[in-house]
Amino acid sequence: TLAAPAAFAQSQTTAQQAKDAEKIAQAAEQKAEAADAAAK
């Protein structure tokens, strides 16, 4: 009973970290595409 909220909070933190990592990856991909276009 005591561990369940901690596990839930940890899963929420992990989910948020995954969303943040996805946003960072998308931004990096956009920068790479822009750099490729500039190189062309």
PDB file of all heavy atoms in Angstrom:
ATOM      1  N   THR A   1       0.830  -1.200   0.000  1.00  0.00           N
ATOM      2  CA  THR A   1       0.000   0.000   0.000  1.00  0.00           C
ATOM      3  C   THR A   1       0.868   1.254   0.000  1.00  0.00           C
ATOM      4  O   THR A   1       0.573   2.233  -0.695  1.00  0.00           O
ATOM      5  CB  THR A   1      -0.947   0.009   1.214  1.00  0.00           C
ATOM      6  OG1 THR A   1      -1.743  -1.166   1.174  1.00  0.00           O
ATOM      7  CG2 THR A   1      -1.837   1.219   1.209  1.00  0.00           C
ATOM      8  N   LEU A   2       1.928   1.236   0.769  1.00  0.00           N
ATOM      9  CA  LEU A   2       2.823   2.393   0.835  1.00  0.00           C
ATOM     10  C   LEU A   2       3.692   2.498  -0.426  1.00  0.00           C
ATOM     11  O   LEU A   2       4.050   3.593  -0.848  1.00  0.00           O
ATOM     12  CB  LEU A   2       3.697   2.311   2.085  1.00  0.00           C
ATOM     13  CG  LEU A   2       2.951   2.438   3.417  1.00  0.00           C
ATOM     14  CD1 LEU A   2       3.910   2.237   4.579  1.00  0.00           C
ATOM     15  CD2 LEU A   2       2.257   3.775   3.535  1.00  0.00           C
ATOM     16  N   ALA A   3       4.028   1.357  -1.007  1.00  0.00           N
ATOM     17  CA  ALA A   3       4.900   1.362  -2.182  1.00  0.00           C
ATOM     18  C   ALA A   3       4.158   1.761  -3.452  1.00  0.00           C
ATOM     19  O   ALA A   3       4.755   2.298  -4.384  1.00  0.00           O
ATOM     20  CB  ALA A   3       5.534  -0.010  -2.364  1.00  0.00           C
ATOM     21  N   ALA A   4       2.862   1.511  -3.501  1.00  0.00           N
ATOM     22  CA  ALA A   4       2.097   1.796  -4.718  1.00  0.00           C
ATOM     23  C   ALA A   4       2.171   3.264  -5.135  1.00  0.00           C
ATOM     24  O   ALA A   4       2.446   3.552  -6.311  1.00  0.00           O
ATOM     25  CB  ALA A   4       0.658   1.348  -4.550  1.00  0.00           C
ATOM     26  N   PRO A   5       1.953   4.233  -4.235  1.00  0.00           N
ATOM     27  CA  PRO A   5       2.062   5.629  -4.676  1.00  0.00           C
ATOM     28  C   PRO A   5       3.476   5.992  -5.138  1.00  0.00           C
ATOM     29  O   PRO A   5       3.643   6.747  -6.100  1.00  0.00           O
ATOM     30  CB  PRO A   5       1.677   6.433  -3.430  1.00  0.00           C
ATOM     31  CG  PRO A   5       0.888   5.502  -2.595  1.00  0.00           C
ATOM     32  CD  PRO A   5       1.445   4.139  -2.875  1.00  0.00           C
ATOM     33  N   ALA A   6       4.469   5.440  -4.482  1.00  0.00           N
ATOM     34  CA  ALA A   6       5.851   5.722  -4.895  1.00  0.00           C
ATOM     35  C   ALA A   6       6.111   5.142  -6.274  1.00  0.00           C
ATOM     36  O   ALA A   6       6.740   5.791  -7.122  1.00  0.00           O
ATOM     37  CB  ALA A   6       6.831   5.155  -3.879  1.00  0.00           C
ATOM     38  N   ALA A   7       5.615   3.948  -6.507  1.00  0.00           N
ATOM     39  CA  ALA A   7       5.792   3.329  -7.817  1.00  0.00           C
ATOM     40  C   ALA A   7       5.035   4.117  -8.888  1.00  0.00           C
ATOM     41  O   ALA A   7       5.532   4.317 -10.001  1.00  0.00           O
ATOM     42  CB  ALA A   7       5.316   1.879  -7.785  1.00  0.00           C
ATOM     43  N   PHE A   8       3.850   4.576  -8.550  1.00  0.00           N
ATOM     44  CA  PHE A   8       3.072   5.375  -9.487  1.00  0.00           C
ATOM     45  C   PHE A   8       3.795   6.691  -9.798  1.00  0.00           C
ATOM     46  O   PHE A   8       3.909   7.089 -10.959  1.00  0.00           O
ATOM     47  CB  PHE A   8       1.675   5.661  -8.928  1.00  0.00           C
ATOM     48  CG  PHE A   8       0.841   6.508  -9.829  1.00  0.00           C
ATOM     49  CD1 PHE A   8       0.281   5.981 -10.975  1.00  0.00           C
ATOM     50  CD2 PHE A   8       0.626   7.852  -9.545  1.00  0.00           C
ATOM     51  CE1 PHE A   8      -0.484   6.761 -11.823  1.00  0.00           C
ATOM     52  CE2 PHE A   8      -0.137   8.641 -10.393  1.00  0.00           C
ATOM     53  CZ  PHE A   8      -0.695   8.094 -11.524  1.00  0.00           C
ATOM     54  N   ALA A   9       4.291   7.338  -8.761  1.00  0.00           N
ATOM     55  CA  ALA A   9       5.027   8.592  -8.963  1.00  0.00           C
ATOM     56  C   ALA A   9       6.271   8.362  -9.813  1.00  0.00           C
ATOM     57  O   ALA A   9       6.586   9.165 -10.695  1.00  0.00           O
ATOM     58  CB  ALA A   9       5.396   9.205  -7.616  1.00  0.00           C
ATOM     59  N   GLN A  10       6.951   7.254  -9.559  1.00  0.00           N
ATOM     60  CA  GLN A  10       8.142   6.940 -10.348  1.00  0.00           C
ATOM     61  C   GLN A  10       7.765   6.691 -11.807  1.00  0.00           C
ATOM     62  O   GLN A  10       8.457   7.145 -12.717  1.00  0.00           O
ATOM     63  CB  GLN A  10       8.856   5.707  -9.775  1.00  0.00           C
ATOM     64  CG  GLN A  10      10.111   5.328 -10.528  1.00  0.00           C
ATOM     65  CD  GLN A  10      11.163   6.418 -10.490  1.00  0.00           C
ATOM     66  OE1 GLN A  10      11.376   7.041  -9.463  1.00  0.00           O
ATOM     67  NE2 GLN A  10      11.820   6.659 -11.614  1.00  0.00           N
ATOM     68  N   SER A  11       6.635   6.015 -12.022  1.00  0.00           N
ATOM     69  CA  SER A  11       6.216   5.762 -13.408  1.00  0.00           C
ATOM     70  C   SER A  11       5.843   7.068 -14.102  1.00  0.00           C
ATOM     71  O   SER A  11       6.114   7.240 -15.292  1.00  0.00           O
ATOM     72  CB  SER A  11       5.060   4.770 -13.446  1.00  0.00           C
ATOM     73  OG  SER A  11       3.869   5.366 -12.956  1.00  0.00           O
ATOM     74  N   GLN A  12       5.248   7.997 -13.357  1.00  0.00           N
ATOM     75  CA  GLN A  12       4.909   9.303 -13.935  1.00  0.00           C
ATOM     76  C   GLN A  12       6.183  10.072 -14.282  1.00  0.00           C
ATOM     77  O   GLN A  12       6.273  10.705 -15.345  1.00  0.00           O
ATOM     78  CB  GLN A  12       4.048  10.113 -12.957  1.00  0.00           C
ATOM     79  CG  GLN A  12       2.661   9.528 -12.732  1.00  0.00           C
ATOM     80  CD  GLN A  12       1.859   9.469 -14.015  1.00  0.00           C
ATOM     81  OE1 GLN A  12       1.749  10.448 -14.739  1.00  0.00           O
ATOM     82  NE2 GLN A  12       1.306   8.314 -14.322  1.00  0.00           N
ATOM     83  N   THR A  13       7.159  10.011 -13.400  1.00  0.00           N
ATOM     84  CA  THR A  13       8.443  10.683 -13.652  1.00  0.00           C
ATOM     85  C   THR A  13       9.114  10.074 -14.879  1.00  0.00           C
ATOM     86  O   THR A  13       9.617  10.792 -15.751  1.00  0.00           O
ATOM     87  CB  THR A  13       9.361  10.563 -12.421  1.00  0.00           C
ATOM     88  OG1 THR A  13       8.706  11.167 -11.314  1.00  0.00           O
ATOM     89  CG2 THR A  13      10.699  11.236 -12.652  1.00  0.00           C
ATOM     90  N   THR A  14       9.107   8.766 -14.941  1.00  0.00           N
ATOM     91  CA  THR A  14       9.719   8.079 -16.078  1.00  0.00           C
ATOM     92  C   THR A  14       8.983   8.427 -17.377  1.00  0.00           C
ATOM     93  O   THR A  14       9.615   8.665 -18.410  1.00  0.00           O
ATOM     94  CB  THR A  14       9.713   6.558 -15.848  1.00  0.00           C
ATOM     95  OG1 THR A  14      10.402   6.268 -14.631  1.00  0.00           O
ATOM     96  CG2 THR A  14      10.373   5.813 -16.987  1.00  0.00           C
ATOM     97  N   ALA A  15       7.675   8.483 -17.320  1.00  0.00           N
ATOM     98  CA  ALA A  15       6.898   8.842 -18.509  1.00  0.00           C
ATOM     99  C   ALA A  15       7.215  10.269 -18.947  1.00  0.00           C
ATOM    100  O   ALA A  15       7.375  10.534 -20.142  1.00  0.00           O
ATOM    101  CB  ALA A  15       5.405   8.689 -18.231  1.00  0.00           C
ATOM    102  N   GLN A  16       7.333  11.179 -18.001  1.00  0.00           N
ATOM    103  CA  GLN A  16       7.662  12.564 -18.335  1.00  0.00           C
ATOM    104  C   GLN A  16       9.068  12.659 -18.926  1.00  0.00           C
ATOM    105  O   GLN A  16       9.302  13.400 -19.877  1.00  0.00           O
ATOM    106  CB  GLN A  16       7.548  13.472 -17.099  1.00  0.00           C
ATOM    107  CG  GLN A  16       7.755  14.944 -17.401  1.00  0.00           C
ATOM    108  CD  GLN A  16       6.733  15.482 -18.401  1.00  0.00           C
ATOM    109  OE1 GLN A  16       5.540  15.231 -18.277  1.00  0.00           O
ATOM    110  NE2 GLN A  16       7.197  16.218 -19.395  1.00  0.00           N
ATOM    111  N   GLN A  17       9.997  11.892 -18.353  1.00  0.00           N
ATOM    112  CA  GLN A  17      11.358  11.883 -18.893  1.00  0.00           C
ATOM    113  C   GLN A  17      11.361  11.345 -20.321  1.00  0.00           C
ATOM    114  O   GLN A  17      12.095  11.855 -21.179  1.00  0.00           O
ATOM    115  CB  GLN A  17      12.277  11.045 -18.001  1.00  0.00           C
ATOM    116  CG  GLN A  17      12.587  11.704 -16.668  1.00  0.00           C
ATOM    117  CD  GLN A  17      13.340  10.781 -15.724  1.00  0.00           C
ATOM    118  OE1 GLN A  17      13.365   9.571 -15.903  1.00  0.00           O
ATOM    119  NE2 GLN A  17      13.945  11.374 -14.709  1.00  0.00           N
ATOM    120  N   ALA A  18      10.537  10.343 -20.571  1.00  0.00           N
ATOM    121  CA  ALA A  18      10.453   9.799 -21.930  1.00  0.00           C
ATOM    122  C   ALA A  18       9.881  10.834 -22.892  1.00  0.00           C
ATOM    123  O   ALA A  18      10.366  10.990 -24.018  1.00  0.00           O
ATOM    124  CB  ALA A  18       9.599   8.535 -21.934  1.00  0.00           C
ATOM    125  N   LYS A  19       8.868  11.570 -22.459  1.00  0.00           N
ATOM    126  CA  LYS A  19       8.294  12.629 -23.305  1.00  0.00           C
ATOM    127  C   LYS A  19       9.326  13.720 -23.571  1.00  0.00           C
ATOM    128  O   LYS A  19       9.449  14.207 -24.698  1.00  0.00           O
ATOM    129  CB  LYS A  19       7.064  13.238 -22.640  1.00  0.00           C
ATOM    130  CG  LYS A  19       5.852  12.331 -22.642  1.00  0.00           C
ATOM    131  CD  LYS A  19       4.677  12.983 -21.921  1.00  0.00           C
ATOM    132  CE  LYS A  19       3.487  12.054 -21.831  1.00  0.00           C
ATOM    133  NZ  LYS A  19       2.369  12.645 -21.084  1.00  0.00           N
ATOM    134  N   ASP A  20      10.056  14.101 -22.527  1.00  0.00           N
ATOM    135  CA  ASP A  20      11.093  15.122 -22.692  1.00  0.00           C
ATOM    136  C   ASP A  20      12.184  14.647 -23.656  1.00  0.00           C
ATOM    137  O   ASP A  20      12.646  15.410 -24.508  1.00  0.00           O
ATOM    138  CB  ASP A  20      11.719  15.477 -21.334  1.00  0.00           C
ATOM    139  CG  ASP A  20      10.747  16.195 -20.414  1.00  0.00           C
ATOM    140  OD1 ASP A  20       9.692  16.672 -20.884  1.00  0.00           O
ATOM    141  OD2 ASP A  20      11.040  16.275 -19.192  1.00  0.00           O
ATOM    142  N   ALA A  21      12.582  13.388 -23.509  1.00  0.00           N
ATOM    143  CA  ALA A  21      13.602  12.837 -24.406  1.00  0.00           C
ATOM    144  C   ALA A  21      13.102  12.804 -25.841  1.00  0.00           C
ATOM    145  O   ALA A  21      13.855  13.080 -26.782  1.00  0.00           O
ATOM    146  CB  ALA A  21      13.994  11.433 -23.944  1.00  0.00           C
ATOM    147  N   GLU A  22      11.816  12.504 -26.025  1.00  0.00           N
ATOM    148  CA  GLU A  22      11.249  12.487 -27.366  1.00  0.00           C
ATOM    149  C   GLU A  22      11.251  13.889 -27.977  1.00  0.00           C
ATOM    150  O   GLU A  22      11.591  14.068 -29.151  1.00  0.00           O
ATOM    151  CB  GLU A  22       9.817  11.939 -27.331  1.00  0.00           C
ATOM    152  CG  GLU A  22       9.193  11.804 -28.702  1.00  0.00           C
ATOM    153  CD  GLU A  22       7.794  11.216 -28.660  1.00  0.00           C
ATOM    154  OE1 GLU A  22       7.292  10.884 -27.576  1.00  0.00           O
ATOM    155  OE2 GLU A  22       7.197  11.100 -29.742  1.00  0.00           O
ATOM    156  N   LYS A  23      10.917  14.893 -27.167  1.00  0.00           N
ATOM    157  CA  LYS A  23      10.935  16.276 -27.665  1.00  0.00           C
ATOM    158  C   LYS A  23      12.353  16.685 -28.049  1.00  0.00           C
ATOM    159  O   LYS A  23      12.566  17.342 -29.074  1.00  0.00           O
ATOM    160  CB  LYS A  23      10.389  17.228 -26.602  1.00  0.00           C
ATOM    161  CG  LYS A  23       8.898  17.143 -26.428  1.00  0.00           C
ATOM    162  CD  LYS A  23       8.410  18.101 -25.355  1.00  0.00           C
ATOM    163  CE  LYS A  23       6.918  17.961 -25.106  1.00  0.00           C
ATOM    164  NZ  LYS A  23       6.461  18.840 -24.024  1.00  0.00           N
ATOM    165  N   ILE A  24      13.317  16.302 -27.234  1.00  0.00           N
ATOM    166  CA  ILE A  24      14.717  16.633 -27.526  1.00  0.00           C
ATOM    167  C   ILE A  24      15.148  15.945 -28.819  1.00  0.00           C
ATOM    168  O   ILE A  24      15.829  16.553 -29.658  1.00  0.00           O
ATOM    169  CB  ILE A  24      15.615  16.244 -26.338  1.00  0.00           C
ATOM    170  CG1 ILE A  24      15.347  17.175 -25.152  1.00  0.00           C
ATOM    171  CG2 ILE A  24      17.090  16.281 -26.716  1.00  0.00           C
ATOM    172  CD1 ILE A  24      15.973  16.733 -23.850  1.00  0.00           C
ATOM    173  N   ALA A  25      14.753  14.684 -28.972  1.00  0.00           N
ATOM    174  CA  ALA A  25      15.109  13.952 -30.192  1.00  0.00           C
ATOM    175  C   ALA A  25      14.475  14.589 -31.419  1.00  0.00           C
ATOM    176  O   ALA A  25      15.115  14.697 -32.474  1.00  0.00           O
ATOM    177  CB  ALA A  25      14.679  12.488 -30.061  1.00  0.00           C
ATOM    178  N   GLN A  26      13.232  15.033 -31.300  1.00  0.00           N
ATOM    179  CA  GLN A  26      12.558  15.686 -32.433  1.00  0.00           C
ATOM    180  C   GLN A  26      13.251  16.999 -32.778  1.00  0.00           C
ATOM    181  O   GLN A  26      13.448  17.318 -33.961  1.00  0.00           O
ATOM    182  CB  GLN A  26      11.094  15.937 -32.107  1.00  0.00           C
ATOM    183  CG  GLN A  26      10.241  14.688 -32.112  1.00  0.00           C
ATOM    184  CD  GLN A  26       8.817  14.946 -31.648  1.00  0.00           C
ATOM    185  OE1 GLN A  26       8.507  15.984 -31.081  1.00  0.00           O
ATOM    186  NE2 GLN A  26       7.932  13.978 -31.878  1.00  0.00           N
ATOM    187  N   ALA A  27      13.632  17.752 -31.758  1.00  0.00           N
ATOM    188  CA  ALA A  27      14.333  19.014 -32.007  1.00  0.00           C
ATOM    189  C   ALA A  27      15.682  18.754 -32.679  1.00  0.00           C
ATOM    190  O   ALA A  27      16.067  19.470 -33.612  1.00  0.00           O
ATOM    191  CB  ALA A  27      14.530  19.778 -30.699  1.00  0.00           C
ATOM    192  N   ALA A  28      16.373  17.717 -32.224  1.00  0.00           N
ATOM    193  CA  ALA A  28      17.656  17.372 -32.835  1.00  0.00           C
ATOM    194  C   ALA A  28      17.470  16.939 -34.283  1.00  0.00           C
ATOM    195  O   ALA A  28      18.266  17.311 -35.160  1.00  0.00           O
ATOM    196  CB  ALA A  28      18.333  16.263 -32.036  1.00  0.00           C
ATOM    197  N   GLU A  29      16.411  16.210 -34.551  1.00  0.00           N
ATOM    198  CA  GLU A  29      16.135  15.785 -35.923  1.00  0.00           C
ATOM    199  C   GLU A  29      15.832  16.994 -36.810  1.00  0.00           C
ATOM    200  O   GLU A  29      16.308  17.079 -37.951  1.00  0.00           O
ATOM    201  CB  GLU A  29      14.958  14.813 -35.945  1.00  0.00           C
ATOM    202  CG  GLU A  29      14.667  14.250 -37.323  1.00  0.00           C
ATOM    203  CD  GLU A  29      13.533  13.235 -37.337  1.00  0.00           C
ATOM    204  OE1 GLU A  29      13.002  12.897 -36.265  1.00  0.00           O
ATOM    205  OE2 GLU A  29      13.185  12.789 -38.439  1.00  0.00           O
ATOM    206  N   GLN A  30      15.067  17.943 -36.287  1.00  0.00           N
ATOM    207  CA  GLN A  30      14.759  19.147 -37.060  1.00  0.00           C
ATOM    208  C   GLN A  30      16.021  19.948 -37.333  1.00  0.00           C
ATOM    209  O   GLN A  30      16.217  20.470 -38.441  1.00  0.00           O
ATOM    210  CB  GLN A  30      13.737  20.003 -36.319  1.00  0.00           C
ATOM    211  CG  GLN A  30      12.345  19.397 -36.308  1.00  0.00           C
ATOM    212  CD  GLN A  30      11.363  20.160 -35.439  1.00  0.00           C
ATOM    213  OE1 GLN A  30      11.761  21.001 -34.639  1.00  0.00           O
ATOM    214  NE2 GLN A  30      10.083  19.866 -35.588  1.00  0.00           N
ATOM    215  N   LYS A  31      16.902  20.041 -36.324  1.00  0.00           N
ATOM    216  CA  LYS A  31      18.166  20.754 -36.536  1.00  0.00           C
ATOM    217  C   LYS A  31      19.017  20.039 -37.579  1.00  0.00           C
ATOM    218  O   LYS A  31      19.666  20.695 -38.410  1.00  0.00           O
ATOM    219  CB  LYS A  31      18.927  20.876 -35.220  1.00  0.00           C
ATOM    220  CG  LYS A  31      18.338  21.884 -34.275  1.00  0.00           C
ATOM    221  CD  LYS A  31      19.147  21.994 -32.994  1.00  0.00           C
ATOM    222  CE  LYS A  31      18.522  22.994 -32.041  1.00  0.00           C
ATOM    223  NZ  LYS A  31      19.286  23.118 -30.787  1.00  0.00           N
ATOM    224  N   ALA A  32      19.032  18.727 -37.534  1.00  0.00           N
ATOM    225  CA  ALA A  32      19.800  17.965 -38.519  1.00  0.00           C
ATOM    226  C   ALA A  32      19.241  18.175 -39.922  1.00  0.00           C
ATOM    227  O   ALA A  32      20.012  18.333 -40.885  1.00  0.00           O
ATOM    228  CB  ALA A  32      19.796  16.480 -38.155  1.00  0.00           C
ATOM    229  N   GLU A  33      17.930  18.194 -40.045  1.00  0.00           N
ATOM    230  CA  GLU A  33      17.311  18.433 -41.356  1.00  0.00           C
ATOM    231  C   GLU A  33      17.627  19.836 -41.856  1.00  0.00           C
ATOM    232  O   GLU A  33      17.899  20.032 -43.047  1.00  0.00           O
ATOM    233  CB  GLU A  33      15.799  18.217 -41.273  1.00  0.00           C
ATOM    234  CG  GLU A  33      15.397  16.762 -41.112  1.00  0.00           C
ATOM    235  CD  GLU A  33      13.918  16.565 -40.841  1.00  0.00           C
ATOM    236  OE1 GLU A  33      13.174  17.569 -40.708  1.00  0.00           O
ATOM    237  OE2 GLU A  33      13.484  15.407 -40.771  1.00  0.00           O
ATOM    238  N   ALA A  34      17.602  20.812 -40.946  1.00  0.00           N
ATOM    239  CA  ALA A  34      17.934  22.187 -41.333  1.00  0.00           C
ATOM    240  C   ALA A  34      19.400  22.276 -41.755  1.00  0.00           C
ATOM    241  O   ALA A  34      19.730  22.957 -42.737  1.00  0.00           O
ATOM    242  CB  ALA A  34      17.644  23.141 -40.179  1.00  0.00           C
ATOM    243  N   ALA A  35      20.264  21.600 -41.029  1.00  0.00           N
ATOM    244  CA  ALA A  35      21.687  21.604 -41.382  1.00  0.00           C
ATOM    245  C   ALA A  35      21.908  20.937 -42.733  1.00  0.00           C
ATOM    246  O   ALA A  35      22.721  21.405 -43.546  1.00  0.00           O
ATOM    247  CB  ALA A  35      22.505  20.901 -40.302  1.00  0.00           C
ATOM    248  N   ASP A  36      21.182  19.874 -43.000  1.00  0.00           N
ATOM    249  CA  ASP A  36      21.283  19.191 -44.281  1.00  0.00           C
ATOM    250  C   ASP A  36      20.818  20.105 -45.411  1.00  0.00           C
ATOM    251  O   ASP A  36      21.458  20.195 -46.456  1.00  0.00           O
ATOM    252  CB  ASP A  36      20.458  17.902 -44.256  1.00  0.00           C
ATOM    253  CG  ASP A  36      20.626  17.072 -45.513  1.00  0.00           C
ATOM    254  OD1 ASP A  36      21.773  16.868 -45.949  1.00  0.00           O
ATOM    255  OD2 ASP A  36      19.598  16.619 -46.061  1.00  0.00           O
ATOM    256  N   ALA A  37      19.716  20.804 -45.173  1.00  0.00           N
ATOM    257  CA  ALA A  37      19.212  21.741 -46.196  1.00  0.00           C
ATOM    258  C   ALA A  37      20.226  22.858 -46.440  1.00  0.00           C
ATOM    259  O   ALA A  37      20.480  23.239 -47.583  1.00  0.00           O
ATOM    260  CB  ALA A  37      17.867  22.315 -45.759  1.00  0.00           C
ATOM    261  N   ALA A  38      20.811  23.365 -45.353  1.00  0.00           N
ATOM    262  CA  ALA A  38      21.812  24.429 -45.499  1.00  0.00           C
ATOM    263  C   ALA A  38      23.035  23.913 -46.253  1.00  0.00           C
ATOM    264  O   ALA A  38      23.611  24.627 -47.086  1.00  0.00           O
ATOM    265  CB  ALA A  38      22.218  24.961 -44.126  1.00  0.00           C
ATOM    266  N   ALA A  39      23.420  22.684 -45.980  1.00  0.00           N
ATOM    267  CA  ALA A  39      24.561  22.100 -46.677  1.00  0.00           C
ATOM    268  C   ALA A  39      24.271  21.958 -48.167  1.00  0.00           C
ATOM    269  O   ALA A  39      25.146  22.205 -49.003  1.00  0.00           O
ATOM    270  CB  ALA A  39      24.914  20.744 -46.069  1.00  0.00           C
ATOM    271  N   LYS A  40      23.042  21.580 -48.501  1.00  0.00           N
ATOM    272  CA  LYS A  40      22.673  21.462 -49.916  1.00  0.00           C
ATOM    273  C   LYS A  40      22.708  22.821 -50.601  1.00  0.00           C
ATOM    274  O   LYS A  40      23.145  22.937 -51.745  1.00  0.00           O
ATOM    275  CB  LYS A  40      21.295  20.821 -50.052  1.00  0.00           C
ATOM    276  CG  LYS A  40      21.306  19.342 -49.736  1.00  0.00           C
ATOM    277  CD  LYS A  40      19.930  18.732 -49.853  1.00  0.00           C
ATOM    278  CE  LYS A  40      19.970  17.241 -49.502  1.00  0.00           C
ATOM    279  NZ  LYS A  40      18.657  16.618 -49.509  1.00  0.00           N
TER     280      LYS A  40
END
